[in-house]
Amino acid sequence: MKRSLTVWAAAAGIVVASLTGCSAASGSAAYGQDAAAAPAADKGKGGHNDADVRFSLEMIPHHWQAIQIAALASERGSDSYVKTLAKEITKHEAADIRVMSGWLRSWRVEVPSGDIDLGHDMPGMISKTQILALEGRSGADFDRLWLSVLAKHLDAGVAMAEKAAGSGEHQGTRDLANKIVKTQRAEIEQIVDHLQ
């Protein structure tokens, strides 16, 4: 569990830097335009509903967990693809957290803390058993397990985003949800190809 706290602290540092306007605000090439620009673009336009709020409340912890396991990949992985993917996930998911946190604050909804248990039990989250398995491996053995766990995590994120895209009222939420669906499906396809 000591390693979990170290990984969480590293991941929290990365996201805190992004939330205060450092490098992660630039987004990711995989995501296209700067995700941090989205709140300015839809400021004062349209309303929001419960589905929009729920999406941000659930996707923020989901993204936090992806960032936390990305930190494990930088520490334990050996495959350059794994390490590069972990950096990209950290970068674009930190930018998404920044955007969704802004929306929640504007809606006067409390932003979920990044201080979550790595083995969170919300649907779509990585289990404690999986986290412990990742922490117990390194090198190529870690890489294969990490990619497999990540693919399932991304797939759950796609399902969450599809639901928000179909039932949300807030244009920014729908745009981000559609972007997540497109990007994470592409990442899953690449992971499957890499594992073959």
N, C-alpha and C. Protein backbone atom coordinates (compact mmCIF):
# COMPACT_ATOMS: atom_id res chain seq x y z
N MET A 1 0.82 -1.19 0.00
CA MET A 1 0.00 0.00 0.00
C MET A 1 0.86 1.25 0.00
N LYS A 2 2.09 1.12 0.53
CA LYS A 2 3.01 2.25 0.53
C LYS A 2 3.29 2.70 -0.90
N ARG A 3 3.46 1.73 -1.81
CA ARG A 3 3.71 2.05 -3.22
C ARG A 3 2.51 2.77 -3.82
N SER A 4 1.28 2.36 -3.43
CA SER A 4 0.06 3.03 -3.92
C SER A 4 0.06 4.50 -3.54
N LEU A 5 0.48 4.79 -2.30
CA LEU A 5 0.51 6.18 -1.86
C LEU A 5 1.54 6.97 -2.64
N THR A 6 2.70 6.35 -2.93
CA THR A 6 3.73 7.03 -3.72
C THR A 6 3.23 7.32 -5.12
N VAL A 7 2.58 6.33 -5.73
CA VAL A 7 2.04 6.50 -7.08
C VAL A 7 0.97 7.58 -7.06
N TRP A 8 0.09 7.55 -6.05
CA TRP A 8 -0.95 8.57 -5.97
C TRP A 8 -0.34 9.95 -5.84
N ALA A 9 0.68 10.08 -5.00
CA ALA A 9 1.31 11.39 -4.81
C ALA A 9 1.92 11.91 -6.11
N ALA A 10 2.56 11.03 -6.87
CA ALA A 10 3.14 11.45 -8.15
C ALA A 10 2.05 11.87 -9.12
N ALA A 11 0.98 11.09 -9.18
CA ALA A 11 -0.13 11.43 -10.08
C ALA A 11 -0.79 12.72 -9.65
N ALA A 12 -0.97 12.91 -8.36
CA ALA A 12 -1.60 14.13 -7.87
C ALA A 12 -0.76 15.35 -8.22
N GLY A 13 0.55 15.22 -8.12
CA GLY A 13 1.43 16.33 -8.49
C GLY A 13 1.28 16.73 -9.94
N ILE A 14 1.16 15.74 -10.81
CA ILE A 14 0.99 16.01 -12.24
C ILE A 14 -0.31 16.75 -12.48
N VAL A 15 -1.39 16.28 -11.88
CA VAL A 15 -2.69 16.91 -12.14
C VAL A 15 -2.79 18.26 -11.47
N VAL A 16 -2.23 18.42 -10.27
CA VAL A 16 -2.26 19.73 -9.62
C VAL A 16 -1.55 20.75 -10.49
N ALA A 17 -0.42 20.34 -11.09
CA ALA A 17 0.30 21.25 -11.99
C ALA A 17 -0.59 21.65 -13.15
N SER A 18 -1.33 20.70 -13.69
CA SER A 18 -2.20 21.02 -14.83
C SER A 18 -3.36 21.91 -14.42
N LEU A 19 -3.88 21.71 -13.21
CA LEU A 19 -5.01 22.50 -12.76
C LEU A 19 -4.61 23.93 -12.44
N THR A 20 -3.32 24.17 -12.25
CA THR A 20 -2.85 25.53 -11.99
C THR A 20 -2.27 26.16 -13.24
N GLY A 21 -2.49 25.51 -14.39
CA GLY A 21 -2.14 26.14 -15.65
C GLY A 21 -0.81 25.75 -16.25
N CYS A 22 -0.21 24.65 -15.79
CA CYS A 22 1.07 24.25 -16.36
C CYS A 22 0.87 23.44 -17.63
N SER A 23 1.87 22.66 -18.01
CA SER A 23 1.93 22.04 -19.33
C SER A 23 0.72 21.24 -19.76
N ALA A 24 0.02 20.57 -18.85
CA ALA A 24 -1.08 19.72 -19.29
C ALA A 24 -2.23 20.51 -19.89
N ALA A 25 -2.25 21.82 -19.69
CA ALA A 25 -3.33 22.63 -20.25
C ALA A 25 -3.31 22.65 -21.76
N SER A 26 -2.20 22.25 -22.34
CA SER A 26 -2.11 22.28 -23.80
C SER A 26 -2.85 21.13 -24.45
N GLY A 27 -3.32 20.15 -23.68
CA GLY A 27 -4.10 19.05 -24.24
C GLY A 27 -3.21 18.04 -24.92
N SER A 28 -3.81 17.27 -25.85
CA SER A 28 -3.08 16.21 -26.53
C SER A 28 -3.43 16.20 -27.99
N ALA A 29 -2.46 15.86 -28.82
CA ALA A 29 -2.71 15.78 -30.26
C ALA A 29 -3.82 14.77 -30.54
N ALA A 30 -3.89 13.72 -29.73
CA ALA A 30 -4.93 12.71 -29.93
C ALA A 30 -6.32 13.29 -29.73
N TYR A 31 -6.42 14.31 -28.90
CA TYR A 31 -7.70 14.92 -28.61
C TYR A 31 -8.01 16.08 -29.53
N GLY A 32 -7.09 16.49 -30.39
CA GLY A 32 -7.37 17.60 -31.31
C GLY A 32 -7.18 18.93 -30.61
N GLN A 33 -8.20 19.79 -30.63
CA GLN A 33 -8.06 21.12 -30.06
C GLN A 33 -7.84 21.08 -28.56
N ASP A 34 -7.36 22.19 -28.04
CA ASP A 34 -7.08 22.32 -26.61
C ASP A 34 -8.34 22.11 -25.80
N ALA A 35 -8.35 21.05 -24.98
CA ALA A 35 -9.53 20.76 -24.16
C ALA A 35 -9.80 21.89 -23.18
N ALA A 36 -8.75 22.59 -22.72
CA ALA A 36 -8.93 23.65 -21.74
C ALA A 36 -9.66 24.84 -22.32
N ALA A 37 -9.73 24.95 -23.64
CA ALA A 37 -10.42 26.07 -24.28
C ALA A 37 -11.94 25.88 -24.28
N ALA A 38 -12.41 24.68 -24.01
CA ALA A 38 -13.84 24.38 -24.11
C ALA A 38 -14.73 25.24 -23.21
N PRO A 39 -14.38 25.48 -21.91
CA PRO A 39 -15.29 26.27 -21.09
C PRO A 39 -15.49 27.67 -21.64
N ALA A 40 -14.42 28.30 -22.14
CA ALA A 40 -14.55 29.64 -22.69
C ALA A 40 -15.48 29.64 -23.90
N ALA A 41 -15.41 28.59 -24.69
CA ALA A 41 -16.20 28.51 -25.92
C ALA A 41 -17.69 28.40 -25.63
N ASP A 42 -18.07 27.74 -24.52
CA ASP A 42 -19.50 27.59 -24.29
C ASP A 42 -20.00 28.40 -23.09
N LYS A 43 -19.19 29.35 -22.65
CA LYS A 43 -19.58 30.18 -21.51
C LYS A 43 -20.88 30.91 -21.81
N GLY A 44 -21.87 30.73 -20.96
CA GLY A 44 -23.13 31.42 -21.13
C GLY A 44 -24.04 30.84 -22.20
N LYS A 45 -23.65 29.73 -22.84
CA LYS A 45 -24.49 29.15 -23.89
C LYS A 45 -25.20 27.91 -23.36
N GLY A 46 -26.52 27.91 -23.45
CA GLY A 46 -27.28 26.72 -23.09
C GLY A 46 -27.22 26.40 -21.62
N GLY A 47 -27.95 25.35 -21.24
CA GLY A 47 -27.98 24.93 -19.85
C GLY A 47 -27.30 23.60 -19.67
N HIS A 48 -27.65 22.96 -18.60
CA HIS A 48 -27.11 21.62 -18.31
C HIS A 48 -28.19 20.84 -17.57
N ASN A 49 -28.03 19.53 -17.55
CA ASN A 49 -28.98 18.69 -16.83
C ASN A 49 -28.23 17.72 -15.92
N ASP A 50 -28.98 16.84 -15.26
CA ASP A 50 -28.37 15.89 -14.33
C ASP A 50 -27.35 14.98 -15.02
N ALA A 51 -27.61 14.63 -16.27
CA ALA A 51 -26.68 13.75 -17.00
C ALA A 51 -25.33 14.43 -17.19
N ASP A 52 -25.33 15.75 -17.43
CA ASP A 52 -24.08 16.50 -17.59
C ASP A 52 -23.29 16.51 -16.29
N VAL A 53 -24.00 16.76 -15.19
CA VAL A 53 -23.35 16.80 -13.88
C VAL A 53 -22.79 15.42 -13.53
N ARG A 54 -23.61 14.39 -13.73
CA ARG A 54 -23.19 13.02 -13.42
C ARG A 54 -21.95 12.63 -14.23
N PHE A 55 -21.93 13.02 -15.50
CA PHE A 55 -20.79 12.69 -16.36
C PHE A 55 -19.49 13.24 -15.76
N SER A 56 -19.47 14.52 -15.40
CA SER A 56 -18.25 15.10 -14.84
C SER A 56 -17.92 14.50 -13.48
N LEU A 57 -18.95 14.27 -12.65
CA LEU A 57 -18.71 13.70 -11.32
C LEU A 57 -18.13 12.29 -11.40
N GLU A 58 -18.51 11.52 -12.41
CA GLU A 58 -18.01 10.15 -12.55
C GLU A 58 -16.74 10.07 -13.39
N MET A 59 -16.64 10.93 -14.41
CA MET A 59 -15.48 10.85 -15.29
C MET A 59 -14.21 11.39 -14.63
N ILE A 60 -14.36 12.36 -13.73
CA ILE A 60 -13.16 12.89 -13.06
C ILE A 60 -12.45 11.78 -12.27
N PRO A 61 -13.14 11.02 -11.38
CA PRO A 61 -12.43 9.93 -10.69
C PRO A 61 -11.93 8.85 -11.66
N HIS A 62 -12.69 8.61 -12.73
CA HIS A 62 -12.27 7.63 -13.73
C HIS A 62 -10.95 8.08 -14.37
N HIS A 63 -10.87 9.35 -14.73
CA HIS A 63 -9.63 9.90 -15.30
C HIS A 63 -8.49 9.89 -14.27
N TRP A 64 -8.82 10.23 -13.01
CA TRP A 64 -7.79 10.20 -11.96
C TRP A 64 -7.15 8.82 -11.89
N GLN A 65 -7.99 7.79 -11.95
CA GLN A 65 -7.45 6.44 -11.82
C GLN A 65 -6.56 6.09 -13.01
N ALA A 66 -6.95 6.53 -14.21
CA ALA A 66 -6.10 6.29 -15.38
C ALA A 66 -4.74 6.97 -15.20
N ILE A 67 -4.75 8.18 -14.65
CA ILE A 67 -3.49 8.90 -14.41
C ILE A 67 -2.65 8.17 -13.36
N GLN A 68 -3.31 7.63 -12.36
CA GLN A 68 -2.59 6.90 -11.31
C GLN A 68 -1.94 5.63 -11.85
N ILE A 69 -2.65 4.89 -12.71
CA ILE A 69 -2.01 3.68 -13.24
C ILE A 69 -0.98 4.04 -14.31
N ALA A 70 -1.13 5.22 -14.92
CA ALA A 70 -0.10 5.69 -15.85
C ALA A 70 1.20 5.92 -15.10
N ALA A 71 1.10 6.41 -13.86
CA ALA A 71 2.29 6.60 -13.04
C ALA A 71 2.97 5.26 -12.74
N LEU A 72 2.17 4.21 -12.55
CA LEU A 72 2.74 2.87 -12.36
C LEU A 72 3.51 2.43 -13.60
N ALA A 73 2.98 2.77 -14.78
CA ALA A 73 3.62 2.37 -16.04
C ALA A 73 4.98 3.03 -16.19
N SER A 74 5.09 4.31 -15.77
CA SER A 74 6.39 4.96 -15.90
C SER A 74 7.41 4.34 -14.95
N GLU A 75 6.92 3.82 -13.85
CA GLU A 75 7.82 3.24 -12.84
C GLU A 75 8.17 1.78 -13.13
N ARG A 76 7.20 0.99 -13.62
CA ARG A 76 7.39 -0.46 -13.71
C ARG A 76 7.46 -1.01 -15.13
N GLY A 77 7.01 -0.22 -16.11
CA GLY A 77 6.97 -0.71 -17.48
C GLY A 77 8.33 -0.72 -18.16
N SER A 78 8.42 -1.51 -19.25
CA SER A 78 9.68 -1.55 -20.01
C SER A 78 9.46 -1.23 -21.49
N ASP A 79 8.24 -1.37 -21.97
CA ASP A 79 7.91 -1.16 -23.38
C ASP A 79 7.78 0.34 -23.66
N SER A 80 8.46 0.83 -24.70
CA SER A 80 8.39 2.26 -25.01
C SER A 80 6.97 2.68 -25.37
N TYR A 81 6.20 1.78 -26.00
CA TYR A 81 4.80 2.08 -26.33
C TYR A 81 4.00 2.32 -25.06
N VAL A 82 4.19 1.48 -24.06
CA VAL A 82 3.49 1.60 -22.78
C VAL A 82 3.83 2.94 -22.12
N LYS A 83 5.11 3.27 -22.09
CA LYS A 83 5.54 4.51 -21.44
C LYS A 83 5.01 5.75 -22.18
N THR A 84 5.03 5.70 -23.52
CA THR A 84 4.51 6.82 -24.31
C THR A 84 3.01 6.97 -24.12
N LEU A 85 2.28 5.85 -24.15
CA LEU A 85 0.83 5.89 -23.95
C LEU A 85 0.50 6.43 -22.56
N ALA A 86 1.25 6.01 -21.56
CA ALA A 86 1.02 6.50 -20.19
C ALA A 86 1.19 8.01 -20.12
N LYS A 87 2.21 8.54 -20.79
CA LYS A 87 2.43 10.00 -20.80
C LYS A 87 1.28 10.72 -21.49
N GLU A 88 0.83 10.18 -22.62
CA GLU A 88 -0.28 10.80 -23.37
C GLU A 88 -1.56 10.78 -22.55
N ILE A 89 -1.83 9.66 -21.89
CA ILE A 89 -3.04 9.57 -21.06
C ILE A 89 -2.98 10.59 -19.93
N THR A 90 -1.84 10.69 -19.28
CA THR A 90 -1.68 11.66 -18.20
C THR A 90 -1.95 13.07 -18.72
N LYS A 91 -1.40 13.38 -19.87
CA LYS A 91 -1.52 14.72 -20.44
C LYS A 91 -2.97 15.07 -20.79
N HIS A 92 -3.63 14.23 -21.59
CA HIS A 92 -4.96 14.63 -22.04
C HIS A 92 -6.03 14.42 -20.98
N GLU A 93 -5.85 13.44 -20.09
CA GLU A 93 -6.87 13.24 -19.06
C GLU A 93 -6.77 14.31 -17.97
N ALA A 94 -5.56 14.81 -17.71
CA ALA A 94 -5.41 15.94 -16.78
C ALA A 94 -6.09 17.18 -17.35
N ALA A 95 -5.96 17.39 -18.67
CA ALA A 95 -6.64 18.53 -19.31
C ALA A 95 -8.16 18.38 -19.21
N ASP A 96 -8.66 17.16 -19.41
CA ASP A 96 -10.10 16.92 -19.28
C ASP A 96 -10.59 17.20 -17.86
N ILE A 97 -9.81 16.77 -16.87
CA ILE A 97 -10.17 17.01 -15.47
C ILE A 97 -10.29 18.51 -15.22
N ARG A 98 -9.37 19.26 -15.77
CA ARG A 98 -9.40 20.72 -15.61
C ARG A 98 -10.71 21.30 -16.17
N VAL A 99 -11.08 20.86 -17.36
CA VAL A 99 -12.30 21.34 -18.01
C VAL A 99 -13.54 20.96 -17.20
N MET A 100 -13.65 19.68 -16.84
CA MET A 100 -14.84 19.22 -16.11
C MET A 100 -14.94 19.86 -14.73
N SER A 101 -13.79 20.08 -14.08
CA SER A 101 -13.79 20.75 -12.78
C SER A 101 -14.35 22.16 -12.91
N GLY A 102 -13.97 22.84 -13.99
CA GLY A 102 -14.49 24.19 -14.25
C GLY A 102 -16.00 24.18 -14.43
N TRP A 103 -16.49 23.20 -15.17
CA TRP A 103 -17.95 23.10 -15.35
C TRP A 103 -18.65 22.88 -14.02
N LEU A 104 -18.15 21.94 -13.23
CA LEU A 104 -18.79 21.65 -11.94
C LEU A 104 -18.80 22.88 -11.05
N ARG A 105 -17.68 23.60 -11.00
CA ARG A 105 -17.64 24.82 -10.18
C ARG A 105 -18.66 25.84 -10.67
N SER A 106 -18.78 25.98 -12.00
CA SER A 106 -19.74 26.95 -12.55
C SER A 106 -21.18 26.53 -12.25
N TRP A 107 -21.40 25.22 -12.05
CA TRP A 107 -22.74 24.73 -11.71
C TRP A 107 -22.93 24.63 -10.20
N ARG A 108 -21.93 25.10 -9.45
CA ARG A 108 -21.94 25.06 -7.99
C ARG A 108 -22.08 23.64 -7.44
N VAL A 109 -21.34 22.74 -8.06
CA VAL A 109 -21.29 21.34 -7.63
C VAL A 109 -19.86 21.07 -7.16
N GLU A 110 -19.73 20.38 -6.03
CA GLU A 110 -18.40 20.09 -5.49
C GLU A 110 -17.62 19.19 -6.44
N VAL A 111 -16.37 19.57 -6.69
CA VAL A 111 -15.49 18.80 -7.59
C VAL A 111 -14.94 17.60 -6.82
N PRO A 112 -15.02 16.39 -7.40
CA PRO A 112 -14.45 15.21 -6.72
C PRO A 112 -12.96 15.39 -6.46
N SER A 113 -12.53 14.96 -5.31
CA SER A 113 -11.12 15.05 -4.95
C SER A 113 -10.31 14.02 -5.71
N GLY A 114 -9.06 14.34 -5.96
CA GLY A 114 -8.15 13.37 -6.56
C GLY A 114 -7.68 12.35 -5.54
N ASP A 115 -8.05 12.57 -4.28
CA ASP A 115 -7.62 11.68 -3.20
C ASP A 115 -8.55 10.47 -3.14
N ILE A 116 -8.42 9.60 -4.17
CA ILE A 116 -9.25 8.40 -4.21
C ILE A 116 -8.39 7.17 -4.01
N ASP A 117 -9.03 6.13 -3.50
CA ASP A 117 -8.36 4.84 -3.35
C ASP A 117 -8.11 4.28 -4.74
N LEU A 118 -6.88 3.81 -4.99
CA LEU A 118 -6.56 3.24 -6.31
C LEU A 118 -7.51 2.12 -6.70
N GLY A 119 -8.04 1.39 -5.74
CA GLY A 119 -8.96 0.30 -6.05
C GLY A 119 -10.40 0.71 -5.81
N HIS A 120 -10.79 1.83 -6.32
CA HIS A 120 -12.14 2.39 -6.16
C HIS A 120 -13.19 1.39 -6.67
N ASP A 121 -14.39 1.40 -6.06
CA ASP A 121 -15.39 0.40 -6.44
C ASP A 121 -16.52 0.94 -7.32
N MET A 122 -16.40 2.16 -7.84
CA MET A 122 -17.40 2.68 -8.77
C MET A 122 -17.37 1.84 -10.04
N PRO A 123 -18.52 1.60 -10.68
CA PRO A 123 -18.52 0.82 -11.92
C PRO A 123 -17.54 1.40 -12.94
N GLY A 124 -16.81 0.51 -13.62
CA GLY A 124 -15.85 0.95 -14.62
C GLY A 124 -14.47 1.25 -14.08
N MET A 125 -14.31 1.15 -12.76
CA MET A 125 -13.01 1.44 -12.16
C MET A 125 -12.19 0.16 -12.00
N ILE A 126 -10.89 0.35 -11.90
CA ILE A 126 -9.96 -0.77 -11.75
C ILE A 126 -10.04 -1.26 -10.30
N SER A 127 -10.12 -2.58 -10.14
CA SER A 127 -10.29 -3.16 -8.79
C SER A 127 -8.98 -3.15 -8.00
N LYS A 128 -9.11 -3.32 -6.69
CA LYS A 128 -7.93 -3.41 -5.83
C LYS A 128 -7.08 -4.62 -6.22
N THR A 129 -7.73 -5.71 -6.58
CA THR A 129 -7.00 -6.91 -6.99
C THR A 129 -6.14 -6.63 -8.22
N GLN A 130 -6.71 -5.91 -9.18
CA GLN A 130 -5.94 -5.58 -10.38
C GLN A 130 -4.78 -4.64 -10.06
N ILE A 131 -5.02 -3.68 -9.18
CA ILE A 131 -3.96 -2.75 -8.78
C ILE A 131 -2.82 -3.52 -8.12
N LEU A 132 -3.16 -4.43 -7.20
CA LEU A 132 -2.13 -5.21 -6.52
C LEU A 132 -1.36 -6.08 -7.50
N ALA A 133 -2.06 -6.64 -8.49
CA ALA A 133 -1.39 -7.45 -9.51
C ALA A 133 -0.41 -6.60 -10.30
N LEU A 134 -0.81 -5.37 -10.66
CA LEU A 134 0.09 -4.47 -11.39
C LEU A 134 1.30 -4.10 -10.54
N GLU A 135 1.06 -3.82 -9.26
CA GLU A 135 2.15 -3.44 -8.37
C GLU A 135 3.14 -4.58 -8.14
N GLY A 136 2.69 -5.82 -8.35
CA GLY A 136 3.55 -6.98 -8.13
C GLY A 136 4.34 -7.40 -9.36
N ARG A 137 4.19 -6.68 -10.46
CA ARG A 137 4.88 -7.07 -11.70
C ARG A 137 5.76 -5.94 -12.20
N SER A 138 6.66 -6.33 -13.11
CA SER A 138 7.51 -5.33 -13.76
C SER A 138 7.92 -5.85 -15.13
N GLY A 139 8.52 -4.97 -15.92
CA GLY A 139 8.99 -5.37 -17.24
C GLY A 139 7.87 -5.78 -18.18
N ALA A 140 8.17 -6.76 -19.04
CA ALA A 140 7.21 -7.20 -20.07
C ALA A 140 5.94 -7.78 -19.45
N ASP A 141 6.09 -8.45 -18.31
CA ASP A 141 4.93 -9.02 -17.62
C ASP A 141 3.97 -7.90 -17.18
N PHE A 142 4.54 -6.83 -16.63
CA PHE A 142 3.74 -5.67 -16.25
C PHE A 142 3.08 -5.04 -17.48
N ASP A 143 3.86 -4.86 -18.54
CA ASP A 143 3.36 -4.19 -19.74
C ASP A 143 2.09 -4.84 -20.28
N ARG A 144 2.12 -6.17 -20.40
CA ARG A 144 0.95 -6.87 -20.95
C ARG A 144 -0.27 -6.74 -20.04
N LEU A 145 -0.06 -6.90 -18.74
CA LEU A 145 -1.18 -6.78 -17.81
C LEU A 145 -1.70 -5.34 -17.81
N TRP A 146 -0.81 -4.37 -17.79
CA TRP A 146 -1.20 -2.96 -17.77
C TRP A 146 -2.05 -2.61 -18.99
N LEU A 147 -1.61 -3.06 -20.16
CA LEU A 147 -2.37 -2.77 -21.39
C LEU A 147 -3.76 -3.41 -21.34
N SER A 148 -3.82 -4.63 -20.83
CA SER A 148 -5.10 -5.33 -20.73
C SER A 148 -6.05 -4.62 -19.77
N VAL A 149 -5.54 -4.24 -18.60
CA VAL A 149 -6.34 -3.53 -17.60
C VAL A 149 -6.77 -2.16 -18.15
N LEU A 150 -5.83 -1.47 -18.79
CA LEU A 150 -6.14 -0.15 -19.33
C LEU A 150 -7.21 -0.22 -20.41
N ALA A 151 -7.14 -1.22 -21.29
CA ALA A 151 -8.13 -1.35 -22.37
C ALA A 151 -9.54 -1.49 -21.79
N LYS A 152 -9.68 -2.28 -20.73
CA LYS A 152 -11.00 -2.44 -20.09
C LYS A 152 -11.45 -1.13 -19.44
N HIS A 153 -10.50 -0.44 -18.83
CA HIS A 153 -10.80 0.85 -18.19
C HIS A 153 -11.25 1.87 -19.24
N LEU A 154 -10.54 1.92 -20.35
CA LEU A 154 -10.91 2.84 -21.43
C LEU A 154 -12.28 2.49 -22.00
N ASP A 155 -12.56 1.20 -22.13
CA ASP A 155 -13.85 0.77 -22.66
C ASP A 155 -14.99 1.22 -21.75
N ALA A 156 -14.78 1.14 -20.45
CA ALA A 156 -15.80 1.63 -19.50
C ALA A 156 -15.98 3.14 -19.67
N GLY A 157 -14.88 3.85 -19.91
CA GLY A 157 -14.96 5.29 -20.15
C GLY A 157 -15.75 5.61 -21.40
N VAL A 158 -15.58 4.80 -22.44
CA VAL A 158 -16.34 4.98 -23.68
C VAL A 158 -17.84 4.84 -23.39
N ALA A 159 -18.21 3.82 -22.62
CA ALA A 159 -19.62 3.61 -22.29
C ALA A 159 -20.19 4.80 -21.52
N MET A 160 -19.42 5.33 -20.56
CA MET A 160 -19.86 6.49 -19.80
C MET A 160 -20.04 7.70 -20.72
N ALA A 161 -19.09 7.89 -21.62
CA ALA A 161 -19.13 9.05 -22.52
C ALA A 161 -20.27 8.94 -23.52
N GLU A 162 -20.52 7.73 -24.03
CA GLU A 162 -21.63 7.53 -24.97
C GLU A 162 -22.96 7.89 -24.31
N LYS A 163 -23.10 7.52 -23.05
CA LYS A 163 -24.34 7.82 -22.32
C LYS A 163 -24.52 9.33 -22.18
N ALA A 164 -23.43 10.03 -21.83
CA ALA A 164 -23.51 11.49 -21.67
C ALA A 164 -23.77 12.19 -23.00
N ALA A 165 -23.14 11.69 -24.06
CA ALA A 165 -23.33 12.30 -25.38
C ALA A 165 -24.78 12.19 -25.82
N GLY A 166 -25.45 11.11 -25.40
CA GLY A 166 -26.83 10.89 -25.80
C GLY A 166 -27.86 11.54 -24.90
N SER A 167 -27.50 11.79 -23.63
CA SER A 167 -28.52 12.30 -22.71
C SER A 167 -28.18 13.66 -22.10
N GLY A 168 -26.97 14.16 -22.35
CA GLY A 168 -26.60 15.47 -21.81
C GLY A 168 -27.25 16.61 -22.57
N GLU A 169 -27.34 17.75 -21.90
CA GLU A 169 -27.92 18.95 -22.50
C GLU A 169 -26.83 19.99 -22.78
N HIS A 170 -25.77 19.95 -22.00
CA HIS A 170 -24.67 20.93 -22.08
C HIS A 170 -23.79 20.61 -23.28
N GLN A 171 -23.65 21.59 -24.18
CA GLN A 171 -22.90 21.35 -25.41
C GLN A 171 -21.45 20.96 -25.15
N GLY A 172 -20.81 21.61 -24.19
CA GLY A 172 -19.42 21.28 -23.86
C GLY A 172 -19.28 19.84 -23.40
N THR A 173 -20.22 19.38 -22.58
CA THR A 173 -20.21 18.00 -22.11
C THR A 173 -20.36 17.04 -23.28
N ARG A 174 -21.31 17.32 -24.16
CA ARG A 174 -21.52 16.43 -25.30
C ARG A 174 -20.29 16.41 -26.21
N ASP A 175 -19.68 17.57 -26.43
CA ASP A 175 -18.48 17.63 -27.27
C ASP A 175 -17.33 16.82 -26.66
N LEU A 176 -17.11 17.01 -25.35
CA LEU A 176 -16.03 16.27 -24.68
C LEU A 176 -16.34 14.78 -24.68
N ALA A 177 -17.58 14.42 -24.42
CA ALA A 177 -17.97 13.00 -24.40
C ALA A 177 -17.71 12.36 -25.77
N ASN A 178 -18.10 13.04 -26.84
CA ASN A 178 -17.86 12.51 -28.19
C ASN A 178 -16.37 12.38 -28.49
N LYS A 179 -15.58 13.35 -27.99
CA LYS A 179 -14.14 13.31 -28.20
C LYS A 179 -13.52 12.12 -27.45
N ILE A 180 -14.00 11.88 -26.23
CA ILE A 180 -13.51 10.75 -25.43
C ILE A 180 -13.85 9.43 -26.12
N VAL A 181 -15.07 9.31 -26.64
CA VAL A 181 -15.46 8.09 -27.35
C VAL A 181 -14.50 7.83 -28.51
N LYS A 182 -14.28 8.84 -29.33
CA LYS A 182 -13.42 8.68 -30.51
C LYS A 182 -11.99 8.34 -30.13
N THR A 183 -11.43 9.08 -29.20
CA THR A 183 -10.03 8.89 -28.82
C THR A 183 -9.80 7.57 -28.12
N GLN A 184 -10.67 7.23 -27.16
CA GLN A 184 -10.45 6.00 -26.39
C GLN A 184 -10.71 4.76 -27.23
N ARG A 185 -11.64 4.83 -28.17
CA ARG A 185 -11.81 3.69 -29.08
C ARG A 185 -10.53 3.47 -29.89
N ALA A 186 -9.93 4.55 -30.35
CA ALA A 186 -8.69 4.44 -31.13
C ALA A 186 -7.57 3.87 -30.25
N GLU A 187 -7.49 4.31 -28.99
CA GLU A 187 -6.47 3.79 -28.08
C GLU A 187 -6.68 2.30 -27.83
N ILE A 188 -7.94 1.89 -27.67
CA ILE A 188 -8.23 0.47 -27.44
C ILE A 188 -7.80 -0.36 -28.64
N GLU A 189 -8.09 0.11 -29.84
CA GLU A 189 -7.69 -0.61 -31.06
C GLU A 189 -6.17 -0.75 -31.13
N GLN A 190 -5.45 0.33 -30.80
CA GLN A 190 -3.99 0.27 -30.81
C GLN A 190 -3.47 -0.72 -29.77
N ILE A 191 -4.09 -0.72 -28.60
CA ILE A 191 -3.67 -1.65 -27.53
C ILE A 191 -3.88 -3.09 -27.98
N VAL A 192 -5.05 -3.38 -28.56
CA VAL A 192 -5.34 -4.74 -29.03
C VAL A 192 -4.31 -5.16 -30.07
N ASP A 193 -4.00 -4.27 -31.01
CA ASP A 193 -2.98 -4.57 -32.04
C ASP A 193 -1.63 -4.84 -31.39
N HIS A 194 -1.29 -4.03 -30.39
CA HIS A 194 0.02 -4.17 -29.74
C HIS A 194 0.12 -5.48 -28.96
N LEU A 195 -0.99 -5.94 -28.42
CA LEU A 195 -0.98 -7.17 -27.62
C LEU A 195 -0.94 -8.43 -28.49
N GLN A 196 -1.24 -8.33 -29.77
CA GLN A 196 -1.26 -9.52 -30.64
C GLN A 196 0.14 -9.95 -31.04
